[in-house]
């Protein structure tokens, strides 16, 4: 069913624009007026996230709304 025909499903706003700061900073800023921030994760594991850093962890710590992370199968 097309979500635009269901009044119980809110519209999702999205946009694309080139950015110069980190992905986490852009997501945190963009989420200021959001009700929920949804992120996909790569699932590198605990050790790799310590070495590489983690956009998800930074967003969880600093985003304005609650953050939902979904791991790919």
PDB file of N, CA and C in Angstrom:
ATOM      1  N   UNK A   1       0.835  -1.168   0.000  1.00  0.00           N
ATOM      2  CA  UNK A   1       0.000   0.000   0.000  1.00  0.00           C
ATOM      3  C   UNK A   1       0.887   1.240   0.000  1.00  0.00           C
ATOM      4  N   UNK A   2       0.488   2.212  -0.780  1.00  0.00           N
ATOM      5  CA  UNK A   2       1.234   3.468  -0.882  1.00  0.00           C
ATOM      6  C   UNK A   2       1.098   4.257   0.418  1.00  0.00           C
ATOM      7  N   UNK A   3       2.239   4.579   1.099  1.00  0.00           N
ATOM      8  CA  UNK A   3       2.166   5.319   2.366  1.00  0.00           C
ATOM      9  C   UNK A   3       1.463   6.661   2.249  1.00  0.00           C
ATOM     10  N   UNK A   4       1.498   7.286   1.062  1.00  0.00           N
ATOM     11  CA  UNK A   4       0.858   8.595   0.916  1.00  0.00           C
ATOM     12  C   UNK A   4      -0.661   8.511   0.999  1.00  0.00           C
ATOM     13  N   UNK A   5      -1.217   7.317   0.877  1.00  0.00           N
ATOM     14  CA  UNK A   5      -2.670   7.160   0.966  1.00  0.00           C
ATOM     15  C   UNK A   5      -3.116   6.741   2.360  1.00  0.00           C
ATOM     16  N   UNK A   6      -2.179   6.577   3.279  1.00  0.00           N
ATOM     17  CA  UNK A   6      -2.517   6.151   4.644  1.00  0.00           C
ATOM     18  C   UNK A   6      -2.329   7.309   5.605  1.00  0.00           C
ATOM     19  N   UNK A   7      -3.413   7.820   6.178  1.00  0.00           N
ATOM     20  CA  UNK A   7      -3.297   8.956   7.088  1.00  0.00           C
ATOM     21  C   UNK A   7      -2.577   8.630   8.394  1.00  0.00           C
ATOM     22  N   UNK A   8      -2.468   7.344   8.754  1.00  0.00           N
ATOM     23  CA  UNK A   8      -1.803   6.971  10.004  1.00  0.00           C
ATOM     24  C   UNK A   8      -0.286   6.879   9.873  1.00  0.00           C
ATOM     25  N   UNK A   9       0.251   7.035   8.653  1.00  0.00           N
ATOM     26  CA  UNK A   9       1.688   6.995   8.433  1.00  0.00           C
ATOM     27  C   UNK A   9       2.145   8.409   8.077  1.00  0.00           C
ATOM     28  N   UNK A  10       2.984   9.017   8.926  1.00  0.00           N
ATOM     29  CA  UNK A  10       3.425  10.381   8.642  1.00  0.00           C
ATOM     30  C   UNK A  10       4.374  10.441   7.450  1.00  0.00           C
ATOM     31  N   UNK A  11       4.409  11.588   6.806  1.00  0.00           N
ATOM     32  CA  UNK A  11       5.320  11.795   5.682  1.00  0.00           C
ATOM     33  C   UNK A  11       6.756  11.813   6.186  1.00  0.00           C
ATOM     34  N   UNK A  12       7.669  11.351   5.381  1.00  0.00           N
ATOM     35  CA  UNK A  12       9.093  11.369   5.713  1.00  0.00           C
ATOM     36  C   UNK A  12       9.760  12.398   4.817  1.00  0.00           C
ATOM     37  N   UNK A  13      10.410  13.366   5.431  1.00  0.00           N
ATOM     38  CA  UNK A  13      11.104  14.394   4.669  1.00  0.00           C
ATOM     39  C   UNK A  13      12.559  13.989   4.499  1.00  0.00           C
ATOM     40  N   UNK A  14      13.079  14.161   3.300  1.00  0.00           N
ATOM     41  CA  UNK A  14      14.484  13.865   3.059  1.00  0.00           C
ATOM     42  C   UNK A  14      15.038  14.889   2.078  1.00  0.00           C
ATOM     43  N   UNK A  15      16.349  15.042   2.111  1.00  0.00           N
ATOM     44  CA  UNK A  15      17.005  15.959   1.183  1.00  0.00           C
ATOM     45  C   UNK A  15      18.437  15.509   0.984  1.00  0.00           C
ATOM     46  N   UNK A  16      19.041  15.994  -0.095  1.00  0.00           N
ATOM     47  CA  UNK A  16      20.436  15.700  -0.377  1.00  0.00           C
ATOM     48  C   UNK A  16      21.161  17.009  -0.640  1.00  0.00           C
ATOM     49  N   UNK A  17      22.315  17.157  -0.044  1.00  0.00           N
ATOM     50  CA  UNK A  17      23.152  18.333  -0.272  1.00  0.00           C
ATOM     51  C   UNK A  17      24.583  17.978   0.108  1.00  0.00           C
ATOM     52  N   UNK A  18      25.556  18.470  -0.651  1.00  0.00           N
ATOM     53  CA  UNK A  18      26.949  18.181  -0.294  1.00  0.00           C
ATOM     54  C   UNK A  18      27.303  18.822   1.053  1.00  0.00           C
ATOM     55  N   UNK A  19      28.009  18.092   1.883  1.00  0.00           N
ATOM     56  CA  UNK A  19      28.389  18.577   3.216  1.00  0.00           C
ATOM     57  C   UNK A  19      29.891  18.472   3.381  1.00  0.00           C
ATOM     58  N   UNK A  20      30.427  19.305   4.269  1.00  0.00           N
ATOM     59  CA  UNK A  20      31.872  19.311   4.473  1.00  0.00           C
ATOM     60  C   UNK A  20      32.281  18.819   5.861  1.00  0.00           C
ATOM     61  N   UNK A  21      31.336  18.621   6.764  1.00  0.00           N
ATOM     62  CA  UNK A  21      31.698  18.143   8.100  1.00  0.00           C
ATOM     63  C   UNK A  21      31.468  16.637   8.182  1.00  0.00           C
ATOM     64  N   UNK A  22      31.733  16.073   9.354  1.00  0.00           N
ATOM     65  CA  UNK A  22      31.619  14.618   9.508  1.00  0.00           C
ATOM     66  C   UNK A  22      30.170  14.162   9.369  1.00  0.00           C
ATOM     67  N   UNK A  23      30.003  12.913   9.038  1.00  0.00           N
ATOM     68  CA  UNK A  23      28.662  12.350   8.894  1.00  0.00           C
ATOM     69  C   UNK A  23      27.881  12.474  10.202  1.00  0.00           C
ATOM     70  N   UNK A  24      28.526  12.180  11.309  1.00  0.00           N
ATOM     71  CA  UNK A  24      27.839  12.256  12.602  1.00  0.00           C
ATOM     72  C   UNK A  24      27.380  13.680  12.892  1.00  0.00           C
ATOM     73  N   UNK A  25      28.238  14.658  12.648  1.00  0.00           N
ATOM     74  CA  UNK A  25      27.879  16.058  12.892  1.00  0.00           C
ATOM     75  C   UNK A  25      26.689  16.461  12.034  1.00  0.00           C
ATOM     76  N   UNK A  26      26.690  16.077  10.780  1.00  0.00           N
ATOM     77  CA  UNK A  26      25.580  16.407   9.885  1.00  0.00           C
ATOM     78  C   UNK A  26      24.282  15.744  10.339  1.00  0.00           C
ATOM     79  N   UNK A  27      24.358  14.478  10.739  1.00  0.00           N
ATOM     80  CA  UNK A  27      23.161  13.775  11.197  1.00  0.00           C
ATOM     81  C   UNK A  27      22.612  14.385  12.483  1.00  0.00           C
ATOM     82  N   UNK A  28      23.490  14.729  13.403  1.00  0.00           N
ATOM     83  CA  UNK A  28      23.069  15.330  14.671  1.00  0.00           C
ATOM     84  C   UNK A  28      22.389  16.673  14.415  1.00  0.00           C
ATOM     85  N   UNK A  29      22.994  17.479  13.558  1.00  0.00           N
ATOM     86  CA  UNK A  29      22.407  18.775  13.219  1.00  0.00           C
ATOM     87  C   UNK A  29      21.068  18.609  12.517  1.00  0.00           C
ATOM     88  N   UNK A  30      21.005  17.697  11.567  1.00  0.00           N
ATOM     89  CA  UNK A  30      19.775  17.478  10.812  1.00  0.00           C
ATOM     90  C   UNK A  30      18.651  16.916  11.676  1.00  0.00           C
ATOM     91  N   UNK A  31      19.003  16.296  12.795  1.00  0.00           N
ATOM     92  CA  UNK A  31      17.986  15.661  13.640  1.00  0.00           C
ATOM     93  C   UNK A  31      17.404  16.598  14.694  1.00  0.00           C
ATOM     94  N   UNK A  32      17.802  17.864  14.683  1.00  0.00           N
ATOM     95  CA  UNK A  32      17.360  18.796  15.720  1.00  0.00           C
ATOM     96  C   UNK A  32      15.840  18.856  15.877  1.00  0.00           C
ATOM     97  N   UNK A  33      15.105  18.793  14.774  1.00  0.00           N
ATOM     98  CA  UNK A  33      13.649  18.873  14.839  1.00  0.00           C
ATOM     99  C   UNK A  33      12.963  17.539  14.558  1.00  0.00           C
ATOM    100  N   UNK A  34      13.731  16.472  14.557  1.00  0.00           N
ATOM    101  CA  UNK A  34      13.183  15.150  14.258  1.00  0.00           C
ATOM    102  C   UNK A  34      12.620  14.492  15.515  1.00  0.00           C
ATOM    103  N   UNK A  35      11.717  13.555  15.317  1.00  0.00           N
ATOM    104  CA  UNK A  35      11.185  12.771  16.424  1.00  0.00           C
ATOM    105  C   UNK A  35      11.988  11.503  16.652  1.00  0.00           C
ATOM    106  N   UNK A  36      12.723  11.063  15.612  1.00  0.00           N
ATOM    107  CA  UNK A  36      13.508   9.838  15.696  1.00  0.00           C
ATOM    108  C   UNK A  36      14.595   9.892  14.632  1.00  0.00           C
ATOM    109  N   UNK A  37      15.800   9.452  14.980  1.00  0.00           N
ATOM    110  CA  UNK A  37      16.896   9.329  14.020  1.00  0.00           C
ATOM    111  C   UNK A  37      17.157   7.840  13.816  1.00  0.00           C
ATOM    112  N   UNK A  38      17.020   7.380  12.580  1.00  0.00           N
ATOM    113  CA  UNK A  38      17.203   5.961  12.264  1.00  0.00           C
ATOM    114  C   UNK A  38      18.492   5.811  11.471  1.00  0.00           C
ATOM    115  N   UNK A  39      19.384   4.919  11.947  1.00  0.00           N
ATOM    116  CA  UNK A  39      20.677   4.699  11.307  1.00  0.00           C
ATOM    117  C   UNK A  39      20.886   3.220  11.023  1.00  0.00           C
ATOM    118  N   UNK A  40      21.479   2.929   9.890  1.00  0.00           N
ATOM    119  CA  UNK A  40      21.927   1.575   9.609  1.00  0.00           C
ATOM    120  C   UNK A  40      23.347   1.425  10.134  1.00  0.00           C
ATOM    121  N   UNK A  41      23.717   0.229  10.553  1.00  0.00           N
ATOM    122  CA  UNK A  41      25.074  -0.005  11.037  1.00  0.00           C
ATOM    123  C   UNK A  41      25.751  -1.061  10.181  1.00  0.00           C
ATOM    124  N   UNK A  42      27.061  -0.976  10.110  1.00  0.00           N
ATOM    125  CA  UNK A  42      27.841  -1.953   9.340  1.00  0.00           C
ATOM    126  C   UNK A  42      28.144  -3.199  10.157  1.00  0.00           C
ATOM    127  N   UNK A  43      28.099  -3.074  11.468  1.00  0.00           N
ATOM    128  CA  UNK A  43      28.348  -4.227  12.318  1.00  0.00           C
ATOM    129  C   UNK A  43      29.796  -4.651  12.353  1.00  0.00           C
ATOM    130  N   UNK A  44      30.724  -3.689  12.448  1.00  0.00           N
ATOM    131  CA  UNK A  44      32.149  -4.026  12.517  1.00  0.00           C
ATOM    132  C   UNK A  44      32.507  -4.743  13.809  1.00  0.00           C
ATOM    133  N   UNK A  45      31.717  -4.562  14.841  1.00  0.00           N
ATOM    134  CA  UNK A  45      32.016  -5.178  16.125  1.00  0.00           C
ATOM    135  C   UNK A  45      32.681  -4.200  17.070  1.00  0.00           C
ATOM    136  N   UNK A  46      32.829  -4.605  18.312  1.00  0.00           N
ATOM    137  CA  UNK A  46      33.346  -3.707  19.342  1.00  0.00           C
ATOM    138  C   UNK A  46      34.782  -3.268  19.077  1.00  0.00           C
ATOM    139  N   UNK A  47      35.658  -4.190  18.724  1.00  0.00           N
ATOM    140  CA  UNK A  47      37.067  -3.848  18.536  1.00  0.00           C
ATOM    141  C   UNK A  47      37.258  -2.881  17.372  1.00  0.00           C
ATOM    142  N   UNK A  48      36.627  -3.160  16.243  1.00  0.00           N
ATOM    143  CA  UNK A  48      36.777  -2.285  15.078  1.00  0.00           C
ATOM    144  C   UNK A  48      36.202  -0.909  15.345  1.00  0.00           C
ATOM    145  N   UNK A  49      35.108  -0.823  16.086  1.00  0.00           N
ATOM    146  CA  UNK A  49      34.526   0.490  16.352  1.00  0.00           C
ATOM    147  C   UNK A  49      35.436   1.331  17.236  1.00  0.00           C
ATOM    148  N   UNK A  50      36.248   0.688  18.076  1.00  0.00           N
ATOM    149  CA  UNK A  50      37.207   1.437  18.884  1.00  0.00           C
ATOM    150  C   UNK A  50      38.297   2.051  18.014  1.00  0.00           C
ATOM    151  N   UNK A  51      38.716   1.325  16.998  1.00  0.00           N
ATOM    152  CA  UNK A  51      39.781   1.802  16.122  1.00  0.00           C
ATOM    153  C   UNK A  51      39.242   2.805  15.103  1.00  0.00           C
ATOM    154  N   UNK A  52      38.109   2.497  14.490  1.00  0.00           N
ATOM    155  CA  UNK A  52      37.583   3.297  13.401  1.00  0.00           C
ATOM    156  C   UNK A  52      36.737   4.476  13.864  1.00  0.00           C
ATOM    157  N   UNK A  53      36.248   4.459  15.076  1.00  0.00           N
ATOM    158  CA  UNK A  53      35.259   5.432  15.501  1.00  0.00           C
ATOM    159  C   UNK A  53      33.900   4.953  15.018  1.00  0.00           C
ATOM    160  N   UNK A  54      32.849   5.606  15.438  1.00  0.00           N
ATOM    161  CA  UNK A  54      31.543   5.124  15.052  1.00  0.00           C
ATOM    162  C   UNK A  54      30.560   6.276  14.944  1.00  0.00           C
ATOM    163  N   UNK A  55      30.006   6.450  13.764  1.00  0.00           N
ATOM    164  CA  UNK A  55      28.975   7.468  13.549  1.00  0.00           C
ATOM    165  C   UNK A  55      27.778   7.164  14.435  1.00  0.00           C
ATOM    166  N   UNK A  56      27.398   5.908  14.505  1.00  0.00           N
ATOM    167  CA  UNK A  56      26.245   5.534  15.327  1.00  0.00           C
ATOM    168  C   UNK A  56      26.447   5.890  16.795  1.00  0.00           C
ATOM    169  N   UNK A  57      27.628   5.565  17.331  1.00  0.00           N
ATOM    170  CA  UNK A  57      27.890   5.859  18.746  1.00  0.00           C
ATOM    171  C   UNK A  57      27.875   7.361  19.017  1.00  0.00           C
ATOM    172  N   UNK A  58      28.422   8.139  18.113  1.00  0.00           N
ATOM    173  CA  UNK A  58      28.424   9.585  18.295  1.00  0.00           C
ATOM    174  C   UNK A  58      27.003  10.153  18.226  1.00  0.00           C
ATOM    175  N   UNK A  59      26.214   9.622  17.302  1.00  0.00           N
ATOM    176  CA  UNK A  59      24.825  10.082  17.194  1.00  0.00           C
ATOM    177  C   UNK A  59      24.017   9.679  18.425  1.00  0.00           C
ATOM    178  N   UNK A  60      24.223   8.480  18.908  1.00  0.00           N
ATOM    179  CA  UNK A  60      23.516   8.031  20.112  1.00  0.00           C
ATOM    180  C   UNK A  60      23.854   8.942  21.285  1.00  0.00           C
ATOM    181  N   UNK A  61      25.096   9.357  21.383  1.00  0.00           N
ATOM    182  CA  UNK A  61      25.526  10.189  22.505  1.00  0.00           C
ATOM    183  C   UNK A  61      25.068  11.635  22.387  1.00  0.00           C
ATOM    184  N   UNK A  62      24.901  12.151  21.159  1.00  0.00           N
ATOM    185  CA  UNK A  62      24.697  13.588  21.003  1.00  0.00           C
ATOM    186  C   UNK A  62      23.443  14.016  20.257  1.00  0.00           C
ATOM    187  N   UNK A  63      22.741  13.111  19.607  1.00  0.00           N
ATOM    188  CA  UNK A  63      21.555  13.507  18.829  1.00  0.00           C
ATOM    189  C   UNK A  63      20.439  13.990  19.754  1.00  0.00           C
ATOM    190  N   UNK A  64      19.621  14.853  19.218  1.00  0.00           N
ATOM    191  CA  UNK A  64      18.527  15.432  19.983  1.00  0.00           C
ATOM    192  C   UNK A  64      17.387  14.433  20.216  1.00  0.00           C
ATOM    193  N   UNK A  65      16.939  13.706  19.190  1.00  0.00           N
ATOM    194  CA  UNK A  65      15.868  12.731  19.411  1.00  0.00           C
ATOM    195  C   UNK A  65      16.441  11.359  19.786  1.00  0.00           C
ATOM    196  N   UNK A  66      15.577  10.416  20.110  1.00  0.00           N
ATOM    197  CA  UNK A  66      16.047   9.035  20.297  1.00  0.00           C
ATOM    198  C   UNK A  66      16.647   8.524  18.986  1.00  0.00           C
ATOM    199  N   UNK A  67      17.584   7.576  19.102  1.00  0.00           N
ATOM    200  CA  UNK A  67      18.249   7.017  17.917  1.00  0.00           C
ATOM    201  C   UNK A  67      17.962   5.523  17.859  1.00  0.00           C
ATOM    202  N   UNK A  68      17.543   5.066  16.683  1.00  0.00           N
ATOM    203  CA  UNK A  68      17.307   3.643  16.428  1.00  0.00           C
ATOM    204  C   UNK A  68      18.369   3.180  15.452  1.00  0.00           C
ATOM    205  N   UNK A  69      19.120   2.144  15.812  1.00  0.00           N
ATOM    206  CA  UNK A  69      20.104   1.587  14.890  1.00  0.00           C
ATOM    207  C   UNK A  69      19.629   0.221  14.435  1.00  0.00           C
ATOM    208  N   UNK A  70      19.818  -0.050  13.147  1.00  0.00           N
ATOM    209  CA  UNK A  70      19.419  -1.331  12.568  1.00  0.00           C
ATOM    210  C   UNK A  70      20.630  -1.936  11.897  1.00  0.00           C
ATOM    211  N   UNK A  71      20.961  -3.152  12.259  1.00  0.00           N
ATOM    212  CA  UNK A  71      22.112  -3.852  11.693  1.00  0.00           C
ATOM    213  C   UNK A  71      21.688  -4.652  10.477  1.00  0.00           C
ATOM    214  N   UNK A  72      22.454  -4.550   9.409  1.00  0.00           N
ATOM    215  CA  UNK A  72      22.166  -5.308   8.188  1.00  0.00           C
ATOM    216  C   UNK A  72      22.375  -6.799   8.463  1.00  0.00           C
ATOM    217  N   UNK A  73      21.616  -7.614   7.760  1.00  0.00           N
ATOM    218  CA  UNK A  73      21.754  -9.061   7.933  1.00  0.00           C
ATOM    219  C   UNK A  73      22.828  -9.615   7.043  1.00  0.00           C
TER     220      UNK A  73
END
